């Protein structure tokens, strides 16, 4: 895994709140391309419906089922880069809660698999 400098932050509504410079280097997509929108630019069109359905289910159960499904803590997924290529990235998902313990945002860190 990487040192977690290549990451994004996304909220419940699929809105990207932060996109690191290191993730921009990996994908070619800059923060200006992505922040404020959704993750569609990096998700394969054939996988978007499945991604968003899984995202909703995971958020609704506070990611308990996802943790059980991927106990190793990461997913390897094709990531659409700005140059039009798909590169396999290892993604580790973390949660950030507010002081009341409510899930507020997700943090996904990325590492290129070579």
PDB file of N, CA and C in Angstrom:
ATOM      1  N   UNK A   1       0.847  -1.178   0.000  1.00  0.00           N
ATOM      2  CA  UNK A   1       0.000   0.000   0.000  1.00  0.00           C
ATOM      3  C   UNK A   1       0.887   1.234   0.000  1.00  0.00           C
ATOM      4  N   UNK A   2       0.288   2.365  -0.315  1.00  0.00           N
ATOM      5  CA  UNK A   2       1.064   3.603  -0.354  1.00  0.00           C
ATOM      6  C   UNK A   2       1.066   4.286   1.007  1.00  0.00           C
ATOM      7  N   UNK A   3       1.566   5.499   1.052  1.00  0.00           N
ATOM      8  CA  UNK A   3       1.595   6.231   2.318  1.00  0.00           C
ATOM      9  C   UNK A   3       0.349   7.095   2.487  1.00  0.00           C
ATOM     10  N   UNK A   4      -0.699   6.775   1.729  1.00  0.00           N
ATOM     11  CA  UNK A   4      -2.015   7.408   1.846  1.00  0.00           C
ATOM     12  C   UNK A   4      -2.043   8.892   1.504  1.00  0.00           C
ATOM     13  N   UNK A   5      -1.116   9.347   0.681  1.00  0.00           N
ATOM     14  CA  UNK A   5      -1.162  10.738   0.247  1.00  0.00           C
ATOM     15  C   UNK A   5      -2.067  10.929  -0.960  1.00  0.00           C
ATOM     16  N   UNK A   6      -2.331   9.851  -1.706  1.00  0.00           N
ATOM     17  CA  UNK A   6      -3.229   9.916  -2.857  1.00  0.00           C
ATOM     18  C   UNK A   6      -4.615   9.532  -2.360  1.00  0.00           C
ATOM     19  N   UNK A   7      -5.462  10.539  -2.100  1.00  0.00           N
ATOM     20  CA  UNK A   7      -6.773  10.233  -1.541  1.00  0.00           C
ATOM     21  C   UNK A   7      -7.805  11.269  -1.930  1.00  0.00           C
ATOM     22  N   UNK A   8      -9.065  10.869  -1.724  1.00  0.00           N
ATOM     23  CA  UNK A   8     -10.191  11.775  -1.909  1.00  0.00           C
ATOM     24  C   UNK A   8     -11.081  11.681  -0.687  1.00  0.00           C
ATOM     25  N   UNK A   9     -11.916  12.697  -0.512  1.00  0.00           N
ATOM     26  CA  UNK A   9     -12.920  12.712   0.551  1.00  0.00           C
ATOM     27  C   UNK A   9     -14.264  12.930  -0.127  1.00  0.00           C
ATOM     28  N   UNK A  10     -15.237  12.087   0.221  1.00  0.00           N
ATOM     29  CA  UNK A  10     -16.558  12.165  -0.400  1.00  0.00           C
ATOM     30  C   UNK A  10     -17.632  12.145   0.686  1.00  0.00           C
ATOM     31  N   UNK A  11     -18.727  12.862   0.425  1.00  0.00           N
ATOM     32  CA  UNK A  11     -19.799  12.914   1.415  1.00  0.00           C
ATOM     33  C   UNK A  11     -20.936  11.966   1.048  1.00  0.00           C
ATOM     34  N   UNK A  12     -21.954  11.957   1.856  1.00  0.00           N
ATOM     35  CA  UNK A  12     -23.113  11.063   1.707  1.00  0.00           C
ATOM     36  C   UNK A  12     -23.797  11.212   0.358  1.00  0.00           C
ATOM     37  N   UNK A  13     -23.747  12.402  -0.215  1.00  0.00           N
ATOM     38  CA  UNK A  13     -24.415  12.686  -1.487  1.00  0.00           C
ATOM     39  C   UNK A  13     -23.518  12.452  -2.687  1.00  0.00           C
ATOM     40  N   UNK A  14     -22.424  11.736  -2.480  1.00  0.00           N
ATOM     41  CA  UNK A  14     -21.469  11.399  -3.541  1.00  0.00           C
ATOM     42  C   UNK A  14     -20.628  12.600  -3.985  1.00  0.00           C
ATOM     43  N   UNK A  15     -20.711  13.694  -3.291  1.00  0.00           N
ATOM     44  CA  UNK A  15     -19.965  14.892  -3.662  1.00  0.00           C
ATOM     45  C   UNK A  15     -18.518  14.775  -3.179  1.00  0.00           C
ATOM     46  N   UNK A  16     -17.594  14.985  -4.112  1.00  0.00           N
ATOM     47  CA  UNK A  16     -16.171  14.954  -3.763  1.00  0.00           C
ATOM     48  C   UNK A  16     -15.819  16.284  -3.095  1.00  0.00           C
ATOM     49  N   UNK A  17     -15.331  16.209  -1.861  1.00  0.00           N
ATOM     50  CA  UNK A  17     -14.997  17.401  -1.083  1.00  0.00           C
ATOM     51  C   UNK A  17     -13.524  17.748  -1.159  1.00  0.00           C
ATOM     52  N   UNK A  18     -12.690  16.727  -1.393  1.00  0.00           N
ATOM     53  CA  UNK A  18     -11.241  16.953  -1.447  1.00  0.00           C
ATOM     54  C   UNK A  18     -10.629  15.940  -2.404  1.00  0.00           C
ATOM     55  N   UNK A  19      -9.619  16.375  -3.135  1.00  0.00           N
ATOM     56  CA  UNK A  19      -8.884  15.544  -4.102  1.00  0.00           C
ATOM     57  C   UNK A  19      -7.428  15.932  -3.968  1.00  0.00           C
ATOM     58  N   UNK A  20      -6.591  15.029  -3.508  1.00  0.00           N
ATOM     59  CA  UNK A  20      -5.196  15.372  -3.228  1.00  0.00           C
ATOM     60  C   UNK A  20      -4.375  15.544  -4.502  1.00  0.00           C
ATOM     61  N   UNK A  21      -3.311  16.310  -4.391  1.00  0.00           N
ATOM     62  CA  UNK A  21      -2.386  16.492  -5.511  1.00  0.00           C
ATOM     63  C   UNK A  21      -1.789  15.154  -5.948  1.00  0.00           C
ATOM     64  N   UNK A  22      -1.543  14.267  -5.000  1.00  0.00           N
ATOM     65  CA  UNK A  22      -0.974  12.957  -5.313  1.00  0.00           C
ATOM     66  C   UNK A  22      -1.961  12.095  -6.107  1.00  0.00           C
ATOM     67  N   UNK A  23      -3.256  12.236  -5.807  1.00  0.00           N
ATOM     68  CA  UNK A  23      -4.256  11.514  -6.590  1.00  0.00           C
ATOM     69  C   UNK A  23      -4.351  12.104  -7.990  1.00  0.00           C
ATOM     70  N   UNK A  24      -4.181  13.401  -8.097  1.00  0.00           N
ATOM     71  CA  UNK A  24      -4.148  14.040  -9.417  1.00  0.00           C
ATOM     72  C   UNK A  24      -2.978  13.504 -10.236  1.00  0.00           C
ATOM     73  N   UNK A  25      -1.837  13.291  -9.587  1.00  0.00           N
ATOM     74  CA  UNK A  25      -0.680  12.727 -10.291  1.00  0.00           C
ATOM     75  C   UNK A  25      -0.970  11.314 -10.782  1.00  0.00           C
ATOM     76  N   UNK A  26      -1.650  10.505  -9.980  1.00  0.00           N
ATOM     77  CA  UNK A  26      -1.964   9.126 -10.362  1.00  0.00           C
ATOM     78  C   UNK A  26      -2.974   9.047 -11.503  1.00  0.00           C
ATOM     79  N   UNK A  27      -3.974   9.914 -11.479  1.00  0.00           N
ATOM     80  CA  UNK A  27      -5.097   9.797 -12.415  1.00  0.00           C
ATOM     81  C   UNK A  27      -5.076  10.810 -13.552  1.00  0.00           C
ATOM     82  N   UNK A  28      -4.356  11.910 -13.372  1.00  0.00           N
ATOM     83  CA  UNK A  28      -4.386  12.984 -14.360  1.00  0.00           C
ATOM     84  C   UNK A  28      -5.539  13.948 -14.155  1.00  0.00           C
ATOM     85  N   UNK A  29      -6.518  13.566 -13.325  1.00  0.00           N
ATOM     86  CA  UNK A  29      -7.646  14.450 -13.011  1.00  0.00           C
ATOM     87  C   UNK A  29      -7.229  15.389 -11.888  1.00  0.00           C
ATOM     88  N   UNK A  30      -7.382  16.687 -12.095  1.00  0.00           N
ATOM     89  CA  UNK A  30      -7.021  17.648 -11.054  1.00  0.00           C
ATOM     90  C   UNK A  30      -8.192  17.851 -10.089  1.00  0.00           C
ATOM     91  N   UNK A  31      -7.889  18.463  -8.968  1.00  0.00           N
ATOM     92  CA  UNK A  31      -8.945  18.798  -8.008  1.00  0.00           C
ATOM     93  C   UNK A  31      -9.995  19.679  -8.681  1.00  0.00           C
ATOM     94  N   UNK A  32      -9.561  20.590  -9.547  1.00  0.00           N
ATOM     95  CA  UNK A  32     -10.523  21.469 -10.233  1.00  0.00           C
ATOM     96  C   UNK A  32     -11.458  20.671 -11.136  1.00  0.00           C
ATOM     97  N   UNK A  33     -10.979  19.530 -11.662  1.00  0.00           N
ATOM     98  CA  UNK A  33     -11.820  18.670 -12.503  1.00  0.00           C
ATOM     99  C   UNK A  33     -12.893  17.956 -11.686  1.00  0.00           C
ATOM    100  N   UNK A  34     -12.597  17.645 -10.428  1.00  0.00           N
ATOM    101  CA  UNK A  34     -13.403  16.696  -9.663  1.00  0.00           C
ATOM    102  C   UNK A  34     -14.148  17.300  -8.473  1.00  0.00           C
ATOM    103  N   UNK A  35     -13.481  18.126  -7.672  1.00  0.00           N
ATOM    104  CA  UNK A  35     -14.081  18.620  -6.423  1.00  0.00           C
ATOM    105  C   UNK A  35     -15.374  19.388  -6.725  1.00  0.00           C
ATOM    106  N   UNK A  36     -16.393  19.046  -5.960  1.00  0.00           N
ATOM    107  CA  UNK A  36     -17.713  19.651  -6.139  1.00  0.00           C
ATOM    108  C   UNK A  36     -18.639  18.794  -6.983  1.00  0.00           C
ATOM    109  N   UNK A  37     -18.069  17.847  -7.699  1.00  0.00           N
ATOM    110  CA  UNK A  37     -18.866  16.920  -8.498  1.00  0.00           C
ATOM    111  C   UNK A  37     -18.853  15.540  -7.871  1.00  0.00           C
ATOM    112  N   UNK A  38     -19.229  14.542  -8.666  1.00  0.00           N
ATOM    113  CA  UNK A  38     -19.210  13.177  -8.155  1.00  0.00           C
ATOM    114  C   UNK A  38     -17.979  12.447  -8.689  1.00  0.00           C
ATOM    115  N   UNK A  39     -17.926  11.154  -8.463  1.00  0.00           N
ATOM    116  CA  UNK A  39     -16.752  10.369  -8.845  1.00  0.00           C
ATOM    117  C   UNK A  39     -16.852   9.769 -10.243  1.00  0.00           C
ATOM    118  N   UNK A  40     -17.881  10.123 -11.003  1.00  0.00           N
ATOM    119  CA  UNK A  40     -18.071   9.554 -12.334  1.00  0.00           C
ATOM    120  C   UNK A  40     -16.831   9.600 -13.222  1.00  0.00           C
ATOM    121  N   UNK A  41     -16.032  10.668 -13.202  1.00  0.00           N
ATOM    122  CA  UNK A  41     -14.882  10.692 -14.104  1.00  0.00           C
ATOM    123  C   UNK A  41     -13.881   9.556 -13.888  1.00  0.00           C
ATOM    124  N   UNK A  42     -13.875   8.946 -12.704  1.00  0.00           N
ATOM    125  CA  UNK A  42     -12.893   7.873 -12.471  1.00  0.00           C
ATOM    126  C   UNK A  42     -13.514   6.483 -12.459  1.00  0.00           C
ATOM    127  N   UNK A  43     -14.844   6.409 -12.536  1.00  0.00           N
ATOM    128  CA  UNK A  43     -15.541   5.122 -12.474  1.00  0.00           C
ATOM    129  C   UNK A  43     -15.902   4.674 -13.883  1.00  0.00           C
ATOM    130  N   UNK A  44     -15.577   3.434 -14.208  1.00  0.00           N
ATOM    131  CA  UNK A  44     -15.924   2.874 -15.511  1.00  0.00           C
ATOM    132  C   UNK A  44     -17.437   2.983 -15.698  1.00  0.00           C
ATOM    133  N   UNK A  45     -17.903   3.475 -16.853  1.00  0.00           N
ATOM    134  CA  UNK A  45     -19.351   3.636 -17.066  1.00  0.00           C
ATOM    135  C   UNK A  45     -20.153   2.364 -16.800  1.00  0.00           C
ATOM    136  N   UNK A  46     -19.601   1.200 -17.133  1.00  0.00           N
ATOM    137  CA  UNK A  46     -20.314  -0.054 -16.900  1.00  0.00           C
ATOM    138  C   UNK A  46     -20.408  -0.412 -15.418  1.00  0.00           C
ATOM    139  N   UNK A  47     -19.624   0.233 -14.583  1.00  0.00           N
ATOM    140  CA  UNK A  47     -19.599  -0.085 -13.153  1.00  0.00           C
ATOM    141  C   UNK A  47     -20.291   0.970 -12.290  1.00  0.00           C
ATOM    142  N   UNK A  48     -20.720   2.088 -12.887  1.00  0.00           N
ATOM    143  CA  UNK A  48     -21.288   3.187 -12.084  1.00  0.00           C
ATOM    144  C   UNK A  48     -22.538   2.778 -11.323  1.00  0.00           C
ATOM    145  N   UNK A  49     -23.464   2.105 -11.989  1.00  0.00           N
ATOM    146  CA  UNK A  49     -24.704   1.718 -11.318  1.00  0.00           C
ATOM    147  C   UNK A  49     -24.400   0.837 -10.109  1.00  0.00           C
ATOM    148  N   UNK A  50     -23.520  -0.148 -10.295  1.00  0.00           N
ATOM    149  CA  UNK A  50     -23.142  -1.043  -9.204  1.00  0.00           C
ATOM    150  C   UNK A  50     -22.413  -0.266  -8.096  1.00  0.00           C
ATOM    151  N   UNK A  51     -21.532   0.653  -8.486  1.00  0.00           N
ATOM    152  CA  UNK A  51     -20.791   1.447  -7.504  1.00  0.00           C
ATOM    153  C   UNK A  51     -21.741   2.242  -6.618  1.00  0.00           C
ATOM    154  N   UNK A  52     -22.649   2.983  -7.245  1.00  0.00           N
ATOM    155  CA  UNK A  52     -23.533   3.840  -6.464  1.00  0.00           C
ATOM    156  C   UNK A  52     -24.526   3.039  -5.630  1.00  0.00           C
ATOM    157  N   UNK A  53     -24.989   1.907  -6.137  1.00  0.00           N
ATOM    158  CA  UNK A  53     -25.882   1.051  -5.339  1.00  0.00           C
ATOM    159  C   UNK A  53     -25.135   0.517  -4.120  1.00  0.00           C
ATOM    160  N   UNK A  54     -23.901   0.071  -4.320  1.00  0.00           N
ATOM    161  CA  UNK A  54     -23.089  -0.410  -3.204  1.00  0.00           C
ATOM    162  C   UNK A  54     -22.772   0.686  -2.212  1.00  0.00           C
ATOM    163  N   UNK A  55     -22.492   1.881  -2.727  1.00  0.00           N
ATOM    164  CA  UNK A  55     -22.210   3.037  -1.878  1.00  0.00           C
ATOM    165  C   UNK A  55     -23.406   3.311  -0.968  1.00  0.00           C
ATOM    166  N   UNK A  56     -24.604   3.307  -1.546  1.00  0.00           N
ATOM    167  CA  UNK A  56     -25.815   3.572  -0.757  1.00  0.00           C
ATOM    168  C   UNK A  56     -26.018   2.496   0.316  1.00  0.00           C
ATOM    169  N   UNK A  57     -25.881   1.235  -0.072  1.00  0.00           N
ATOM    170  CA  UNK A  57     -26.051   0.140   0.900  1.00  0.00           C
ATOM    171  C   UNK A  57     -25.018   0.249   2.017  1.00  0.00           C
ATOM    172  N   UNK A  58     -23.794   0.524   1.636  1.00  0.00           N
ATOM    173  CA  UNK A  58     -22.722   0.609   2.630  1.00  0.00           C
ATOM    174  C   UNK A  58     -22.962   1.763   3.596  1.00  0.00           C
ATOM    175  N   UNK A  59     -23.344   2.904   3.064  1.00  0.00           N
ATOM    176  CA  UNK A  59     -23.584   4.057   3.927  1.00  0.00           C
ATOM    177  C   UNK A  59     -24.740   3.763   4.880  1.00  0.00           C
ATOM    178  N   UNK A  60     -25.801   3.151   4.359  1.00  0.00           N
ATOM    179  CA  UNK A  60     -26.989   2.875   5.167  1.00  0.00           C
ATOM    180  C   UNK A  60     -26.704   1.942   6.342  1.00  0.00           C
ATOM    181  N   UNK A  61     -25.772   1.003   6.171  1.00  0.00           N
ATOM    182  CA  UNK A  61     -25.486   0.090   7.283  1.00  0.00           C
ATOM    183  C   UNK A  61     -24.164   0.429   7.980  1.00  0.00           C
ATOM    184  N   UNK A  62     -23.720   1.675   7.801  1.00  0.00           N
ATOM    185  CA  UNK A  62     -22.501   2.166   8.435  1.00  0.00           C
ATOM    186  C   UNK A  62     -21.276   1.323   8.062  1.00  0.00           C
ATOM    187  N   UNK A  63     -21.310   0.762   6.865  1.00  0.00           N
ATOM    188  CA  UNK A  63     -20.195   0.024   6.272  1.00  0.00           C
ATOM    189  C   UNK A  63     -19.886  -1.301   6.964  1.00  0.00           C
ATOM    190  N   UNK A  64     -20.821  -1.782   7.769  1.00  0.00           N
ATOM    191  CA  UNK A  64     -20.625  -3.063   8.446  1.00  0.00           C
ATOM    192  C   UNK A  64     -20.502  -4.185   7.421  1.00  0.00           C
ATOM    193  N   UNK A  65     -21.431  -4.265   6.465  1.00  0.00           N
ATOM    194  CA  UNK A  65     -21.399  -5.338   5.463  1.00  0.00           C
ATOM    195  C   UNK A  65     -20.149  -5.238   4.599  1.00  0.00           C
ATOM    196  N   UNK A  66     -19.751  -4.018   4.253  1.00  0.00           N
ATOM    197  CA  UNK A  66     -18.549  -3.846   3.434  1.00  0.00           C
ATOM    198  C   UNK A  66     -17.325  -4.348   4.195  1.00  0.00           C
ATOM    199  N   UNK A  67     -17.247  -4.041   5.466  1.00  0.00           N
ATOM    200  CA  UNK A  67     -16.130  -4.529   6.284  1.00  0.00           C
ATOM    201  C   UNK A  67     -16.091  -6.049   6.312  1.00  0.00           C
ATOM    202  N   UNK A  68     -17.272  -6.672   6.352  1.00  0.00           N
ATOM    203  CA  UNK A  68     -17.334  -8.135   6.353  1.00  0.00           C
ATOM    204  C   UNK A  68     -16.979  -8.699   4.985  1.00  0.00           C
ATOM    205  N   UNK A  69     -17.387  -8.005   3.935  1.00  0.00           N
ATOM    206  CA  UNK A  69     -17.137  -8.478   2.572  1.00  0.00           C
ATOM    207  C   UNK A  69     -15.665  -8.370   2.203  1.00  0.00           C
ATOM    208  N   UNK A  70     -15.007  -7.306   2.656  1.00  0.00           N
ATOM    209  CA  UNK A  70     -13.591  -7.109   2.329  1.00  0.00           C
ATOM    210  C   UNK A  70     -12.779  -6.936   3.615  1.00  0.00           C
ATOM    211  N   UNK A  71     -12.625  -7.998   4.385  1.00  0.00           N
ATOM    212  CA  UNK A  71     -11.917  -7.901   5.665  1.00  0.00           C
ATOM    213  C   UNK A  71     -10.468  -7.456   5.514  1.00  0.00           C
ATOM    214  N   UNK A  72      -9.889  -7.651   4.329  1.00  0.00           N
ATOM    215  CA  UNK A  72      -8.516  -7.199   4.121  1.00  0.00           C
ATOM    216  C   UNK A  72      -8.441  -5.671   4.044  1.00  0.00           C
ATOM    217  N   UNK A  73      -9.595  -5.017   3.881  1.00  0.00           N
ATOM    218  CA  UNK A  73      -9.648  -3.564   3.966  1.00  0.00           C
ATOM    219  C   UNK A  73      -9.392  -2.804   2.685  1.00  0.00           C
ATOM    220  N   UNK A  74      -9.279  -3.496   1.560  1.00  0.00           N
ATOM    221  CA  UNK A  74      -9.065  -2.769   0.318  1.00  0.00           C
ATOM    222  C   UNK A  74      -9.778  -3.446  -0.838  1.00  0.00           C
ATOM    223  N   UNK A  75      -9.979  -2.664  -1.897  1.00  0.00           N
ATOM    224  CA  UNK A  75     -10.561  -3.137  -3.145  1.00  0.00           C
ATOM    225  C   UNK A  75      -9.600  -2.807  -4.268  1.00  0.00           C
ATOM    226  N   UNK A  76      -9.482  -3.688  -5.246  1.00  0.00           N
ATOM    227  CA  UNK A  76      -8.714  -3.400  -6.455  1.00  0.00           C
ATOM    228  C   UNK A  76      -9.718  -3.111  -7.564  1.00  0.00           C
ATOM    229  N   UNK A  77      -9.665  -1.896  -8.105  1.00  0.00           N
ATOM    230  CA  UNK A  77     -10.667  -1.488  -9.086  1.00  0.00           C
ATOM    231  C   UNK A  77     -10.015  -0.796 -10.280  1.00  0.00           C
ATOM    232  N   UNK A  78     -10.638  -0.939 -11.464  1.00  0.00           N
ATOM    233  CA  UNK A  78     -10.170  -0.181 -12.618  1.00  0.00           C
ATOM    234  C   UNK A  78     -10.544   1.286 -12.415  1.00  0.00           C
ATOM    235  N   UNK A  79      -9.595   2.150 -12.600  1.00  0.00           N
ATOM    236  CA  UNK A  79      -9.811   3.585 -12.391  1.00  0.00           C
ATOM    237  C   UNK A  79      -9.558   4.307 -13.702  1.00  0.00           C
ATOM    238  N   UNK A  80     -10.544   5.096 -14.118  1.00  0.00           N
ATOM    239  CA  UNK A  80     -10.435   5.818 -15.375  1.00  0.00           C
ATOM    240  C   UNK A  80      -9.562   7.058 -15.191  1.00  0.00           C
ATOM    241  N   UNK A  81      -8.481   7.099 -15.926  1.00  0.00           N
ATOM    242  CA  UNK A  81      -7.566   8.228 -15.834  1.00  0.00           C
ATOM    243  C   UNK A  81      -7.865   9.229 -16.941  1.00  0.00           C
ATOM    244  N   UNK A  82      -7.413  10.430 -16.766  1.00  0.00           N
ATOM    245  CA  UNK A  82      -7.747  11.505 -17.697  1.00  0.00           C
ATOM    246  C   UNK A  82      -7.226  11.233 -19.112  1.00  0.00           C
ATOM    247  N   UNK A  83      -6.165  10.442 -19.235  1.00  0.00           N
ATOM    248  CA  UNK A  83      -5.633  10.128 -20.568  1.00  0.00           C
ATOM    249  C   UNK A  83      -6.474   9.075 -21.292  1.00  0.00           C
ATOM    250  N   UNK A  84      -7.579   8.640 -20.673  1.00  0.00           N
ATOM    251  CA  UNK A  84      -8.470   7.675 -21.291  1.00  0.00           C
ATOM    252  C   UNK A  84      -8.165   6.232 -20.926  1.00  0.00           C
ATOM    253  N   UNK A  85      -7.045   5.998 -20.286  1.00  0.00           N
ATOM    254  CA  UNK A  85      -6.659   4.649 -19.881  1.00  0.00           C
ATOM    255  C   UNK A  85      -7.319   4.280 -18.554  1.00  0.00           C
ATOM    256  N   UNK A  86      -7.502   2.971 -18.372  1.00  0.00           N
ATOM    257  CA  UNK A  86      -7.957   2.439 -17.092  1.00  0.00           C
ATOM    258  C   UNK A  86      -6.761   1.785 -16.439  1.00  0.00           C
ATOM    259  N   UNK A  87      -6.486   2.172 -15.196  1.00  0.00           N
ATOM    260  CA  UNK A  87      -5.401   1.586 -14.432  1.00  0.00           C
ATOM    261  C   UNK A  87      -5.984   0.984 -13.162  1.00  0.00           C
ATOM    262  N   UNK A  88      -5.463  -0.168 -12.779  1.00  0.00           N
ATOM    263  CA  UNK A  88      -5.964  -0.809 -11.564  1.00  0.00           C
ATOM    264  C   UNK A  88      -5.364  -0.116 -10.356  1.00  0.00           C
ATOM    265  N   UNK A  89      -6.246   0.339  -9.492  1.00  0.00           N
ATOM    266  CA  UNK A  89      -5.844   1.006  -8.257  1.00  0.00           C
ATOM    267  C   UNK A  89      -6.330   0.177  -7.076  1.00  0.00           C
ATOM    268  N   UNK A  90      -5.517   0.132  -6.054  1.00  0.00           N
ATOM    269  CA  UNK A  90      -5.916  -0.470  -4.787  1.00  0.00           C
ATOM    270  C   UNK A  90      -6.473   0.666  -3.943  1.00  0.00           C
ATOM    271  N   UNK A  91      -7.721   0.507  -3.506  1.00  0.00           N
ATOM    272  CA  UNK A  91      -8.408   1.559  -2.762  1.00  0.00           C
ATOM    273  C   UNK A  91      -8.727   1.058  -1.361  1.00  0.00           C
ATOM    274  N   UNK A  92      -8.343   1.846  -0.383  1.00  0.00           N
ATOM    275  CA  UNK A  92      -8.667   1.560   1.015  1.00  0.00           C
ATOM    276  C   UNK A  92      -9.646   2.641   1.476  1.00  0.00           C
ATOM    277  N   UNK A  93     -10.770   2.208   2.041  1.00  0.00           N
ATOM    278  CA  UNK A  93     -11.819   3.136   2.454  1.00  0.00           C
ATOM    279  C   UNK A  93     -11.780   3.299   3.964  1.00  0.00           C
ATOM    280  N   UNK A  94     -11.788   4.565   4.403  1.00  0.00           N
ATOM    281  CA  UNK A  94     -11.830   4.895   5.823  1.00  0.00           C
ATOM    282  C   UNK A  94     -13.027   5.802   6.064  1.00  0.00           C
ATOM    283  N   UNK A  95     -13.484   5.824   7.286  1.00  0.00           N
ATOM    284  CA  UNK A  95     -14.621   6.655   7.656  1.00  0.00           C
ATOM    285  C   UNK A  95     -14.186   7.752   8.622  1.00  0.00           C
ATOM    286  N   UNK A  96     -14.883   8.870   8.541  1.00  0.00           N
ATOM    287  CA  UNK A  96     -14.660   9.946   9.510  1.00  0.00           C
ATOM    288  C   UNK A  96     -16.006  10.290  10.131  1.00  0.00           C
ATOM    289  N   UNK A  97     -16.056  10.224  11.440  1.00  0.00           N
ATOM    290  CA  UNK A  97     -17.282  10.508  12.177  1.00  0.00           C
ATOM    291  C   UNK A  97     -17.180  11.858  12.873  1.00  0.00           C
ATOM    292  N   UNK A  98     -18.334  12.449  13.161  1.00  0.00           N
ATOM    293  CA  UNK A  98     -18.346  13.677  13.951  1.00  0.00           C
ATOM    294  C   UNK A  98     -18.257  13.319  15.436  1.00  0.00           C
ATOM    295  N   UNK A  99     -18.291  14.322  16.291  1.00  0.00           N
ATOM    296  CA  UNK A  99     -18.111  14.082  17.731  1.00  0.00           C
ATOM    297  C   UNK A  99     -19.246  13.253  18.328  1.00  0.00           C
ATOM    298  N   UNK A 100     -20.407  13.224  17.659  1.00  0.00           N
ATOM    299  CA  UNK A 100     -21.531  12.416  18.133  1.00  0.00           C
ATOM    300  C   UNK A 100     -21.441  10.975  17.627  1.00  0.00           C
ATOM    301  N   UNK A 101     -20.409  10.685  16.841  1.00  0.00           N
ATOM    302  CA  UNK A 101     -20.231   9.336  16.324  1.00  0.00           C
ATOM    303  C   UNK A 101     -20.936   9.065  15.015  1.00  0.00           C
ATOM    304  N   UNK A 102     -21.535  10.101  14.429  1.00  0.00           N
ATOM    305  CA  UNK A 102     -22.233   9.933  13.161  1.00  0.00           C
ATOM    306  C   UNK A 102     -21.252   9.987  11.996  1.00  0.00           C
ATOM    307  N   UNK A 103     -21.445   9.082  11.049  1.00  0.00           N
ATOM    308  CA  UNK A 103     -20.609   9.042   9.859  1.00  0.00           C
ATOM    309  C   UNK A 103     -20.820  10.312   9.040  1.00  0.00           C
ATOM    310  N   UNK A 104     -19.731  11.000   8.735  1.00  0.00           N
ATOM    311  CA  UNK A 104     -19.835  12.268   8.005  1.00  0.00           C
ATOM    312  C   UNK A 104     -19.267  12.178   6.588  1.00  0.00           C
ATOM    313  N   UNK A 105     -18.097  11.601   6.447  1.00  0.00           N
ATOM    314  CA  UNK A 105     -17.438  11.511   5.139  1.00  0.00           C
ATOM    315  C   UNK A 105     -16.667  10.203   5.051  1.00  0.00           C
ATOM    316  N   UNK A 106     -16.368   9.845   3.817  1.00  0.00           N
ATOM    317  CA  UNK A 106     -15.488   8.718   3.555  1.00  0.00           C
ATOM    318  C   UNK A 106     -14.187   9.239   2.972  1.00  0.00           C
ATOM    319  N   UNK A 107     -13.131   8.566   3.305  1.00  0.00           N
ATOM    320  CA  UNK A 107     -11.820   8.879   2.748  1.00  0.00           C
ATOM    321  C   UNK A 107     -11.367   7.624   2.017  1.00  0.00           C
ATOM    322  N   UNK A 108     -11.047   7.787   0.739  1.00  0.00           N
ATOM    323  CA  UNK A 108     -10.555   6.660  -0.055  1.00  0.00           C
ATOM    324  C   UNK A 108      -9.130   6.964  -0.471  1.00  0.00           C
ATOM    325  N   UNK A 109      -8.204   6.123  -0.047  1.00  0.00           N
ATOM    326  CA  UNK A 109      -6.811   6.291  -0.451  1.00  0.00           C
ATOM    327  C   UNK A 109      -6.519   5.331  -1.603  1.00  0.00           C
ATOM    328  N   UNK A 110      -5.684   5.776  -2.520  1.00  0.00           N
ATOM    329  CA  UNK A 110      -5.414   5.067  -3.769  1.00  0.00           C
ATOM    330  C   UNK A 110      -3.932   4.738  -3.899  1.00  0.00           C
ATOM    331  N   UNK A 111      -3.689   3.578  -4.491  1.00  0.00           N
ATOM    332  CA  UNK A 111      -2.322   3.152  -4.801  1.00  0.00           C
ATOM    333  C   UNK A 111      -2.381   2.444  -6.154  1.00  0.00           C
ATOM    334  N   UNK A 112      -1.528   2.831  -7.061  1.00  0.00           N
ATOM    335  CA  UNK A 112      -1.454   2.188  -8.366  1.00  0.00           C
ATOM    336  C   UNK A 112      -0.867   0.789  -8.217  1.00  0.00           C
ATOM    337  N   UNK A 113      -1.536  -0.200  -8.794  1.00  0.00           N
ATOM    338  CA  UNK A 113      -1.015  -1.561  -8.793  1.00  0.00           C
ATOM    339  C   UNK A 113      -0.277  -1.753 -10.104  1.00  0.00           C
ATOM    340  N   UNK A 114       0.990  -2.097 -10.011  1.00  0.00           N
ATOM    341  CA  UNK A 114       1.790  -2.244 -11.230  1.00  0.00           C
ATOM    342  C   UNK A 114       2.015  -3.683 -11.582  1.00  0.00           C
TER     343      UNK A 114
END
